[in-house]
Amino acid sequence: ITKMKDVDLLILAIGTNDLQFKYDLTIHQFENGLEKLIVIAKNKV
């Protein structure tokens, strides 16, 4: 996202594969990780 220029709209559709049982993520971990992506995206788009 840092390399891309002039993005007017980001469609962020991510998280399904994090549901795989091998990752064993808690809902809290899910929220924290998603929030990190959002903060990064908000600075660019």
All heavy atoms as atom14 arrays in JSON, in Angstrom:
{
  "sequence": "ITKMKDVDLLILAIGTNDLQFKYDLTIHQFENGLEKLIVIAKNKV",
  "atom14_mask": [
    [1, 1, 1, 1, 1, 1, 1, 1, 0, 0, 0, 0, 0, 0],
    [1, 1, 1, 1, 1, 1, 1, 0, 0, 0, 0, 0, 0, 0],
    [1, 1, 1, 1, 1, 1, 1, 1, 1, 0, 0, 0, 0, 0],
    [1, 1, 1, 1, 1, 1, 1, 1, 0, 0, 0, 0, 0, 0],
    [1, 1, 1, 1, 1, 1, 1, 1, 1, 0, 0, 0, 0, 0],
    [1, 1, 1, 1, 1, 1, 1, 1, 0, 0, 0, 0, 0, 0],
    [1, 1, 1, 1, 1, 1, 1, 0, 0, 0, 0, 0, 0, 0],
    [1, 1, 1, 1, 1, 1, 1, 1, 0, 0, 0, 0, 0, 0],
    [1, 1, 1, 1, 1, 1, 1, 1, 0, 0, 0, 0, 0, 0],
    [1, 1, 1, 1, 1, 1, 1, 1, 0, 0, 0, 0, 0, 0],
    [1, 1, 1, 1, 1, 1, 1, 1, 0, 0, 0, 0, 0, 0],
    [1, 1, 1, 1, 1, 1, 1, 1, 0, 0, 0, 0, 0, 0],
    [1, 1, 1, 1, 1, 0, 0, 0, 0, 0, 0, 0, 0, 0],
    [1, 1, 1, 1, 1, 1, 1, 1, 0, 0, 0, 0, 0, 0],
    [1, 1, 1, 1, 0, 0, 0, 0, 0, 0, 0, 0, 0, 0],
    [1, 1, 1, 1, 1, 1, 1, 0, 0, 0, 0, 0, 0, 0],
    [1, 1, 1, 1, 1, 1, 1, 1, 0, 0, 0, 0, 0, 0],
    [1, 1, 1, 1, 1, 1, 1, 1, 0, 0, 0, 0, 0, 0],
    [1, 1, 1, 1, 1, 1, 1, 1, 0, 0, 0, 0, 0, 0],
    [1, 1, 1, 1, 1, 1, 1, 1, 1, 0, 0, 0, 0, 0],
    [1, 1, 1, 1, 1, 1, 1, 1, 1, 1, 1, 0, 0, 0],
    [1, 1, 1, 1, 1, 1, 1, 1, 1, 0, 0, 0, 0, 0],
    [1, 1, 1, 1, 1, 1, 1, 1, 1, 1, 1, 1, 0, 0],
    [1, 1, 1, 1, 1, 1, 1, 1, 0, 0, 0, 0, 0, 0],
    [1, 1, 1, 1, 1, 1, 1, 1, 0, 0, 0, 0, 0, 0],
    [1, 1, 1, 1, 1, 1, 1, 0, 0, 0, 0, 0, 0, 0],
    [1, 1, 1, 1, 1, 1, 1, 1, 0, 0, 0, 0, 0, 0],
    [1, 1, 1, 1, 1, 1, 1, 1, 1, 1, 0, 0, 0, 0],
    [1, 1, 1, 1, 1, 1, 1, 1, 1, 0, 0, 0, 0, 0],
    [1, 1, 1, 1, 1, 1, 1, 1, 1, 1, 1, 0, 0, 0],
    [1, 1, 1, 1, 1, 1, 1, 1, 1, 0, 0, 0, 0, 0],
    [1, 1, 1, 1, 1, 1, 1, 1, 0, 0, 0, 0, 0, 0],
    [1, 1, 1, 1, 0, 0, 0, 0, 0, 0, 0, 0, 0, 0],
    [1, 1, 1, 1, 1, 1, 1, 1, 0, 0, 0, 0, 0, 0],
    [1, 1, 1, 1, 1, 1, 1, 1, 1, 0, 0, 0, 0, 0],
    [1, 1, 1, 1, 1, 1, 1, 1, 1, 0, 0, 0, 0, 0],
    [1, 1, 1, 1, 1, 1, 1, 1, 0, 0, 0, 0, 0, 0],
    [1, 1, 1, 1, 1, 1, 1, 1, 0, 0, 0, 0, 0, 0],
    [1, 1, 1, 1, 1, 1, 1, 0, 0, 0, 0, 0, 0, 0],
    [1, 1, 1, 1, 1, 1, 1, 1, 0, 0, 0, 0, 0, 0],
    [1, 1, 1, 1, 1, 0, 0, 0, 0, 0, 0, 0, 0, 0],
    [1, 1, 1, 1, 1, 1, 1, 1, 1, 0, 0, 0, 0, 0],
    [1, 1, 1, 1, 1, 1, 1, 1, 0, 0, 0, 0, 0, 0],
    [1, 1, 1, 1, 1, 1, 1, 1, 1, 0, 0, 0, 0, 0],
    [1, 1, 1, 1, 1, 1, 1, 0, 0, 0, 0, 0, 0, 0]
  ],
  "atom14_positions": [
    [[0.83, -1.21, 0.0], [0.0, 0.0, 0.0], [0.87, 1.26, 0.0], [0.47, 2.31, -0.52], [-0.99, 0.01, 1.21], [-2.12, 1.02, 0.98], [-0.26, 0.27, 2.51], [-3.06, 0.65, -0.13], [0.0, 0.0, 0.0], [0.0, 0.0, 0.0], [0.0, 0.0, 0.0], [0.0, 0.0, 0.0], [0.0, 0.0, 0.0], [0.0, 0.0, 0.0]],
    [[2.07, 1.17, 0.55], [2.99, 2.31, 0.55], [3.46, 2.62, -0.87], [3.64, 3.78, -1.24], [4.21, 2.02, 1.45], [3.76, 1.82, 2.79], [5.2, 3.18, 1.42], [0.0, 0.0, 0.0], [0.0, 0.0, 0.0], [0.0, 0.0, 0.0], [0.0, 0.0, 0.0], [0.0, 0.0, 0.0], [0.0, 0.0, 0.0], [0.0, 0.0, 0.0]],
    [[3.65, 1.58, -1.68], [4.13, 1.77, -3.05], [3.04, 2.25, -4.0], [3.34, 2.89, -5.01], [4.71, 0.45, -3.58], [5.99, 0.03, -2.88], [6.48, -1.31, -3.42], [7.75, -1.75, -2.72], [8.2, -3.09, -3.21], [0.0, 0.0, 0.0], [0.0, 0.0, 0.0], [0.0, 0.0, 0.0], [0.0, 0.0, 0.0], [0.0, 0.0, 0.0]],
    [[1.79, 1.96, -3.68], [0.7, 2.34, -4.56], [0.37, 3.82, -4.42], [0.44, 4.38, -3.33], [-0.54, 1.49, -4.29], [-0.35, 0.02, -4.62], [-1.91, -0.86, -4.75], [-2.61, -0.19, -6.25], [0.0, 0.0, 0.0], [0.0, 0.0, 0.0], [0.0, 0.0, 0.0], [0.0, 0.0, 0.0], [0.0, 0.0, 0.0], [0.0, 0.0, 0.0]],
    [[0.01, 4.45, -5.52], [-0.27, 5.88, -5.52], [-1.74, 6.14, -5.88], [-2.31, 5.48, -6.73], [0.64, 6.6, -6.51], [2.11, 6.55, -6.15], [2.95, 7.3, -7.17], [4.43, 7.27, -6.81], [5.27, 7.99, -7.82], [0.0, 0.0, 0.0], [0.0, 0.0, 0.0], [0.0, 0.0, 0.0], [0.0, 0.0, 0.0], [0.0, 0.0, 0.0]],
    [[-2.29, 7.13, -5.2], [-3.61, 7.66, -5.56], [-4.72, 6.62, -5.55], [-5.56, 6.57, -6.44], [-3.55, 8.32, -6.94], [-2.5, 9.41, -7.02], [-2.34, 10.14, -6.03], [-1.85, 9.52, -8.07], [0.0, 0.0, 0.0], [0.0, 0.0, 0.0], [0.0, 0.0, 0.0], [0.0, 0.0, 0.0], [0.0, 0.0, 0.0], [0.0, 0.0, 0.0]],
    [[-4.75, 5.76, -4.52], [-5.85, 4.82, -4.36], [-7.03, 5.57, -3.75], [-6.92, 6.15, -2.67], [-5.45, 3.62, -3.47], [-6.66, 2.72, -3.22], [-4.32, 2.83, -4.09], [0.0, 0.0, 0.0], [0.0, 0.0, 0.0], [0.0, 0.0, 0.0], [0.0, 0.0, 0.0], [0.0, 0.0, 0.0], [0.0, 0.0, 0.0], [0.0, 0.0, 0.0]],
    [[-8.14, 5.59, -4.47], [-9.32, 6.32, -4.0], [-10.21, 5.49, -3.09], [-10.96, 6.03, -2.27], [-10.14, 6.8, -5.2], [-9.36, 7.78, -6.06], [-9.11, 8.9, -5.6], [-8.99, 7.41, -7.2], [0.0, 0.0, 0.0], [0.0, 0.0, 0.0], [0.0, 0.0, 0.0], [0.0, 0.0, 0.0], [0.0, 0.0, 0.0], [0.0, 0.0, 0.0]],
    [[-10.15, 4.16, -3.26], [-10.98, 3.27, -2.45], [-10.26, 1.94, -2.27], [-9.79, 1.34, -3.25], [-12.33, 3.03, -3.12], [-13.22, 1.95, -2.5], [-13.68, 2.34, -1.1], [-14.44, 1.67, -3.39], [0.0, 0.0, 0.0], [0.0, 0.0, 0.0], [0.0, 0.0, 0.0], [0.0, 0.0, 0.0], [0.0, 0.0, 0.0], [0.0, 0.0, 0.0]],
    [[-10.16, 1.51, -1.04], [-9.63, 0.18, -0.72], [-10.79, -0.73, -0.31], [-11.57, -0.37, 0.57], [-8.63, 0.27, 0.43], [-8.22, -1.06, 1.09], [-7.43, -1.94, 0.11], [-7.43, -0.81, 2.37], [0.0, 0.0, 0.0], [0.0, 0.0, 0.0], [0.0, 0.0, 0.0], [0.0, 0.0, 0.0], [0.0, 0.0, 0.0], [0.0, 0.0, 0.0]],
    [[-10.89, -1.87, -0.97], [-11.83, -2.91, -0.54], [-11.0, -3.98, 0.14], [-10.22, -4.69, -0.5], [-12.61, -3.5, -1.73], [-13.42, -2.4, -2.44], [-13.55, -4.62, -1.25], [-14.12, -2.88, -3.7], [0.0, 0.0, 0.0], [0.0, 0.0, 0.0], [0.0, 0.0, 0.0], [0.0, 0.0, 0.0], [0.0, 0.0, 0.0], [0.0, 0.0, 0.0]],
    [[-11.12, -4.07, 1.45], [-10.31, -4.99, 2.25], [-11.17, -6.18, 2.68], [-12.06, -6.05, 3.52], [-9.76, -4.26, 3.48], [-8.77, -5.01, 4.37], [-7.54, -5.45, 3.59], [-8.37, -4.15, 5.56], [0.0, 0.0, 0.0], [0.0, 0.0, 0.0], [0.0, 0.0, 0.0], [0.0, 0.0, 0.0], [0.0, 0.0, 0.0], [0.0, 0.0, 0.0]],
    [[-10.91, -7.33, 2.04], [-11.7, -8.54, 2.3], [-10.76, -9.64, 2.75], [-10.33, -10.49, 1.96], [-12.46, -8.95, 1.04], [0.0, 0.0, 0.0], [0.0, 0.0, 0.0], [0.0, 0.0, 0.0], [0.0, 0.0, 0.0], [0.0, 0.0, 0.0], [0.0, 0.0, 0.0], [0.0, 0.0, 0.0], [0.0, 0.0, 0.0], [0.0, 0.0, 0.0]],
    [[-10.42, -9.64, 4.01], [-9.39, -10.53, 4.52], [-9.83, -11.12, 5.86], [-10.65, -10.52, 6.57], [-8.06, -9.75, 4.7], [-6.84, -10.67, 4.77], [-8.12, -8.79, 5.87], [-6.42, -11.23, 3.44], [0.0, 0.0, 0.0], [0.0, 0.0, 0.0], [0.0, 0.0, 0.0], [0.0, 0.0, 0.0], [0.0, 0.0, 0.0], [0.0, 0.0, 0.0]],
    [[-9.3, -12.3, 6.19], [-9.58, -12.88, 7.51], [-10.09, -14.3, 7.51], [-10.04, -14.99, 8.53], [0.0, 0.0, 0.0], [0.0, 0.0, 0.0], [0.0, 0.0, 0.0], [0.0, 0.0, 0.0], [0.0, 0.0, 0.0], [0.0, 0.0, 0.0], [0.0, 0.0, 0.0], [0.0, 0.0, 0.0], [0.0, 0.0, 0.0], [0.0, 0.0, 0.0]],
    [[-10.57, -14.78, 6.35], [-11.12, -16.14, 6.32], [-10.07, -17.19, 6.66], [-10.33, -18.12, 7.43], [-11.75, -16.44, 4.94], [-12.86, -15.56, 4.73], [-12.25, -17.88, 4.87], [0.0, 0.0, 0.0], [0.0, 0.0, 0.0], [0.0, 0.0, 0.0], [0.0, 0.0, 0.0], [0.0, 0.0, 0.0], [0.0, 0.0, 0.0], [0.0, 0.0, 0.0]],
    [[-8.87, -17.06, 6.11], [-7.85, -18.08, 6.35], [-7.3, -18.05, 7.77], [-6.71, -19.03, 8.23], [-6.71, -17.91, 5.34], [-7.13, -18.34, 3.95], [-7.62, -19.44, 3.74], [-6.97, -17.44, 2.99], [0.0, 0.0, 0.0], [0.0, 0.0, 0.0], [0.0, 0.0, 0.0], [0.0, 0.0, 0.0], [0.0, 0.0, 0.0], [0.0, 0.0, 0.0]],
    [[-7.53, -16.93, 8.46], [-7.15, -16.87, 9.87], [-8.04, -17.74, 10.74], [-7.73, -17.98, 11.9], [-7.2, -15.42, 10.36], [-6.22, -14.54, 9.6], [-5.02, -14.59, 9.91], [-6.66, -13.83, 8.67], [0.0, 0.0, 0.0], [0.0, 0.0, 0.0], [0.0, 0.0, 0.0], [0.0, 0.0, 0.0], [0.0, 0.0, 0.0], [0.0, 0.0, 0.0]],
    [[-9.14, -18.24, 10.16], [-10.05, -19.13, 10.87], [-9.54, -20.57, 10.88], [-10.13, -21.43, 11.55], [-11.44, -19.09, 10.23], [-12.15, -17.72, 10.23], [-13.39, -17.78, 9.34], [-12.52, -17.29, 11.64], [0.0, 0.0, 0.0], [0.0, 0.0, 0.0], [0.0, 0.0, 0.0], [0.0, 0.0, 0.0], [0.0, 0.0, 0.0], [0.0, 0.0, 0.0]],
    [[-8.48, -20.85, 10.13], [-7.92, -22.21, 10.11], [-7.52, -22.61, 11.52], [-6.93, -21.82, 12.27], [-6.72, -22.27, 9.17], [-7.07, -22.06, 7.71], [-5.84, -22.07, 6.82], [-4.85, -22.74, 7.12], [-5.9, -21.34, 5.72], [0.0, 0.0, 0.0], [0.0, 0.0, 0.0], [0.0, 0.0, 0.0], [0.0, 0.0, 0.0], [0.0, 0.0, 0.0]],
    [[-7.81, -23.87, 11.87], [-7.6, -24.28, 13.26], [-6.14, -24.28, 13.68], [-5.82, -24.15, 14.86], [-8.25, -25.65, 13.53], [-7.76, -26.79, 12.68], [-6.55, -27.41, 12.91], [-8.54, -27.26, 11.62], [-6.11, -28.48, 12.13], [-8.12, -28.32, 10.82], [-6.9, -28.92, 11.08], [0.0, 0.0, 0.0], [0.0, 0.0, 0.0], [0.0, 0.0, 0.0]],
    [[-5.2, -24.36, 12.72], [-3.79, -24.4, 13.1], [-3.32, -23.07, 13.71], [-2.38, -23.05, 14.49], [-2.91, -24.75, 11.9], [-2.77, -23.68, 10.84], [-1.78, -24.12, 9.76], [-1.58, -23.05, 8.71], [-0.58, -23.48, 7.68], [0.0, 0.0, 0.0], [0.0, 0.0, 0.0], [0.0, 0.0, 0.0], [0.0, 0.0, 0.0], [0.0, 0.0, 0.0]],
    [[-4.0, -21.98, 13.36], [-3.6, -20.68, 13.91], [-4.17, -20.45, 15.31], [-3.59, -19.72, 16.11], [-4.04, -19.56, 12.98], [-3.37, -19.6, 11.63], [-4.12, -19.71, 10.46], [-1.98, -19.55, 11.51], [-3.5, -19.75, 9.21], [-1.35, -19.59, 10.27], [-2.12, -19.7, 9.12], [-1.52, -19.75, 7.9], [0.0, 0.0, 0.0], [0.0, 0.0, 0.0]],
    [[-5.32, -21.04, 15.59], [-5.93, -21.01, 16.92], [-5.99, -19.58, 17.49], [-5.66, -19.35, 18.66], [-5.15, -21.92, 17.87], [-5.91, -22.22, 19.16], [-7.16, -22.17, 19.12], [-5.26, -22.47, 20.19], [0.0, 0.0, 0.0], [0.0, 0.0, 0.0], [0.0, 0.0, 0.0], [0.0, 0.0, 0.0], [0.0, 0.0, 0.0], [0.0, 0.0, 0.0]],
    [[-6.43, -18.64, 16.66], [-6.48, -17.25, 17.09], [-7.68, -17.01, 18.02], [-8.77, -17.53, 17.78], [-6.61, -16.32, 15.89], [-5.42, -16.25, 14.92], [-5.74, -15.3, 13.79], [-4.15, -15.82, 15.64], [0.0, 0.0, 0.0], [0.0, 0.0, 0.0], [0.0, 0.0, 0.0], [0.0, 0.0, 0.0], [0.0, 0.0, 0.0], [0.0, 0.0, 0.0]],
    [[-7.46, -16.19, 19.01], [-8.57, -15.77, 19.85], [-9.28, -14.59, 19.16], [-8.72, -13.95, 18.27], [-8.08, -15.32, 21.24], [-7.28, -14.15, 21.09], [-7.27, -16.42, 21.91], [0.0, 0.0, 0.0], [0.0, 0.0, 0.0], [0.0, 0.0, 0.0], [0.0, 0.0, 0.0], [0.0, 0.0, 0.0], [0.0, 0.0, 0.0], [0.0, 0.0, 0.0]],
    [[-10.48, -14.29, 19.61], [-11.21, -13.15, 19.07], [-10.43, -11.87, 19.35], [-10.39, -10.95, 18.51], [-12.62, -13.07, 19.67], [-13.45, -14.31, 19.29], [-13.32, -11.8, 19.23], [-13.7, -14.46, 17.8], [0.0, 0.0, 0.0], [0.0, 0.0, 0.0], [0.0, 0.0, 0.0], [0.0, 0.0, 0.0], [0.0, 0.0, 0.0], [0.0, 0.0, 0.0]],
    [[-9.77, -11.79, 20.49], [-8.97, -10.61, 20.85], [-7.8, -10.44, 19.89], [-7.51, -9.33, 19.43], [-8.47, -10.75, 22.29], [-7.67, -9.57, 22.77], [-8.22, -8.32, 22.95], [-6.34, -9.46, 23.09], [-7.28, -7.48, 23.37], [-6.14, -8.15, 23.46], [0.0, 0.0, 0.0], [0.0, 0.0, 0.0], [0.0, 0.0, 0.0], [0.0, 0.0, 0.0]],
    [[-7.11, -11.53, 19.58], [-6.0, -11.47, 18.62], [-6.5, -11.06, 17.23], [-5.84, -10.3, 16.52], [-5.3, -12.82, 18.54], [-4.49, -13.18, 19.77], [-3.98, -14.61, 19.73], [-4.7, -15.54, 19.33], [-2.73, -14.8, 20.13], [0.0, 0.0, 0.0], [0.0, 0.0, 0.0], [0.0, 0.0, 0.0], [0.0, 0.0, 0.0], [0.0, 0.0, 0.0]],
    [[-7.65, -11.58, 16.88], [-8.26, -11.24, 15.59], [-8.5, -9.73, 15.5], [-8.17, -9.09, 14.49], [-9.59, -11.99, 15.45], [-9.88, -12.48, 14.07], [-9.75, -13.82, 13.75], [-10.28, -11.6, 13.08], [-10.02, -14.28, 12.47], [-10.56, -12.05, 11.79], [-10.43, -13.4, 11.48], [0.0, 0.0, 0.0], [0.0, 0.0, 0.0], [0.0, 0.0, 0.0]],
    [[-9.06, -9.18, 16.55], [-9.38, -7.75, 16.56], [-8.11, -6.9, 16.5], [-8.04, -5.92, 15.74], [-10.19, -7.4, 17.81], [-10.58, -5.94, 17.87], [-11.55, -5.63, 19.01], [-12.12, -6.57, 19.58], [-11.74, -4.43, 19.31], [0.0, 0.0, 0.0], [0.0, 0.0, 0.0], [0.0, 0.0, 0.0], [0.0, 0.0, 0.0], [0.0, 0.0, 0.0]],
    [[-7.11, -7.26, 17.28], [-5.86, -6.48, 17.3], [-5.17, -6.49, 15.94], [-4.67, -5.47, 15.47], [-4.91, -7.03, 18.37], [-5.34, -6.66, 19.77], [-6.16, -5.76, 19.96], [-4.77, -7.33, 20.76], [0.0, 0.0, 0.0], [0.0, 0.0, 0.0], [0.0, 0.0, 0.0], [0.0, 0.0, 0.0], [0.0, 0.0, 0.0], [0.0, 0.0, 0.0]],
    [[-5.13, -7.67, 15.3], [-4.48, -7.79, 14.01], [-5.2, -7.02, 12.93], [-4.57, -6.35, 12.09], [0.0, 0.0, 0.0], [0.0, 0.0, 0.0], [0.0, 0.0, 0.0], [0.0, 0.0, 0.0], [0.0, 0.0, 0.0], [0.0, 0.0, 0.0], [0.0, 0.0, 0.0], [0.0, 0.0, 0.0], [0.0, 0.0, 0.0], [0.0, 0.0, 0.0]],
    [[-6.51, -7.1, 12.94], [-7.31, -6.38, 11.95], [-7.16, -4.87, 12.15], [-7.05, -4.11, 11.17], [-8.78, -6.78, 12.07], [-9.75, -6.12, 11.1], [-9.39, -6.44, 9.66], [-11.19, -6.58, 11.39], [0.0, 0.0, 0.0], [0.0, 0.0, 0.0], [0.0, 0.0, 0.0], [0.0, 0.0, 0.0], [0.0, 0.0, 0.0], [0.0, 0.0, 0.0]],
    [[-7.12, -4.44, 13.39], [-6.97, -3.01, 13.67], [-5.64, -2.48, 13.15], [-5.56, -1.35, 12.64], [-7.1, -2.75, 15.18], [-7.17, -1.28, 15.52], [-7.57, -1.03, 16.98], [-7.44, -1.96, 17.81], [-8.04, 0.08, 17.28], [0.0, 0.0, 0.0], [0.0, 0.0, 0.0], [0.0, 0.0, 0.0], [0.0, 0.0, 0.0], [0.0, 0.0, 0.0]],
    [[-4.59, -3.28, 13.22], [-3.29, -2.85, 12.69], [-3.37, -2.57, 11.2], [-2.83, -1.58, 10.71], [-2.24, -3.94, 12.96], [-1.81, -4.05, 14.4], [-0.78, -5.17, 14.58], [-0.38, -5.32, 16.03], [0.58, -6.46, 16.22], [0.0, 0.0, 0.0], [0.0, 0.0, 0.0], [0.0, 0.0, 0.0], [0.0, 0.0, 0.0], [0.0, 0.0, 0.0]],
    [[-4.05, -3.46, 10.46], [-4.2, -3.26, 9.02], [-5.01, -2.0, 8.73], [-4.7, -1.24, 7.81], [-4.89, -4.47, 8.39], [-4.13, -5.79, 8.37], [-4.97, -6.88, 7.7], [-2.8, -5.65, 7.63], [0.0, 0.0, 0.0], [0.0, 0.0, 0.0], [0.0, 0.0, 0.0], [0.0, 0.0, 0.0], [0.0, 0.0, 0.0], [0.0, 0.0, 0.0]],
    [[-6.05, -1.78, 9.51], [-6.91, -0.62, 9.31], [-6.14, 0.68, 9.53], [-6.25, 1.63, 8.75], [-8.13, -0.69, 10.24], [-9.08, -1.8, 9.78], [-8.86, 0.66, 10.28], [-10.21, -2.09, 10.75], [0.0, 0.0, 0.0], [0.0, 0.0, 0.0], [0.0, 0.0, 0.0], [0.0, 0.0, 0.0], [0.0, 0.0, 0.0], [0.0, 0.0, 0.0]],
    [[-5.35, 0.74, 10.58], [-4.57, 1.95, 10.89], [-3.6, 2.26, 9.75], [-3.45, 3.41, 9.32], [-3.81, 1.78, 12.23], [-2.82, 2.91, 12.43], [-4.8, 1.74, 13.38], [0.0, 0.0, 0.0], [0.0, 0.0, 0.0], [0.0, 0.0, 0.0], [0.0, 0.0, 0.0], [0.0, 0.0, 0.0], [0.0, 0.0, 0.0], [0.0, 0.0, 0.0]],
    [[-2.95, 1.23, 9.23], [-2.02, 1.41, 8.1], [-2.78, 1.91, 6.88], [-2.34, 2.85, 6.2], [-1.31, 0.08, 7.79], [-0.36, -0.29, 8.92], [-0.55, 0.16, 6.46], [0.13, -1.72, 8.88], [0.0, 0.0, 0.0], [0.0, 0.0, 0.0], [0.0, 0.0, 0.0], [0.0, 0.0, 0.0], [0.0, 0.0, 0.0], [0.0, 0.0, 0.0]],
    [[-3.91, 1.29, 6.61], [-4.71, 1.67, 5.44], [-5.23, 3.09, 5.55], [-5.23, 3.85, 4.56], [-5.87, 0.69, 5.28], [0.0, 0.0, 0.0], [0.0, 0.0, 0.0], [0.0, 0.0, 0.0], [0.0, 0.0, 0.0], [0.0, 0.0, 0.0], [0.0, 0.0, 0.0], [0.0, 0.0, 0.0], [0.0, 0.0, 0.0], [0.0, 0.0, 0.0]],
    [[-5.66, 3.49, 6.75], [-6.23, 4.82, 6.95], [-5.21, 5.93, 6.66], [-5.58, 7.05, 6.31], [-6.76, 4.97, 8.38], [-8.07, 4.26, 8.64], [-9.26, 5.08, 8.16], [-9.53, 6.27, 9.06], [-10.73, 7.03, 8.63], [0.0, 0.0, 0.0], [0.0, 0.0, 0.0], [0.0, 0.0, 0.0], [0.0, 0.0, 0.0], [0.0, 0.0, 0.0]],
    [[-3.95, 5.62, 6.82], [-2.9, 6.61, 6.55], [-2.65, 6.8, 5.07], [-1.94, 7.73, 4.68], [-1.6, 6.2, 7.24], [-1.65, 6.4, 8.75], [-2.33, 7.31, 9.22], [-0.98, 5.54, 9.49], [0.0, 0.0, 0.0], [0.0, 0.0, 0.0], [0.0, 0.0, 0.0], [0.0, 0.0, 0.0], [0.0, 0.0, 0.0], [0.0, 0.0, 0.0]],
    [[-3.19, 5.91, 4.25], [-2.93, 5.96, 2.81], [-4.17, 6.17, 1.96], [-4.1, 6.7, 0.86], [-2.24, 4.65, 2.36], [-0.81, 4.51, 2.8], [0.11, 5.48, 2.07], [0.21, 5.16, 0.6], [1.12, 6.08, -0.13], [0.0, 0.0, 0.0], [0.0, 0.0, 0.0], [0.0, 0.0, 0.0], [0.0, 0.0, 0.0], [0.0, 0.0, 0.0]],
    [[-5.32, 5.72, 2.47], [-6.55, 5.71, 1.66], [-7.69, 6.36, 2.44], [-7.91, 6.03, 3.62], [-6.95, 4.27, 1.27], [-8.14, 4.28, 0.33], [-5.79, 3.52, 0.64], [0.0, 0.0, 0.0], [0.0, 0.0, 0.0], [0.0, 0.0, 0.0], [0.0, 0.0, 0.0], [0.0, 0.0, 0.0], [0.0, 0.0, 0.0], [0.0, 0.0, 0.0]]
  ]
}
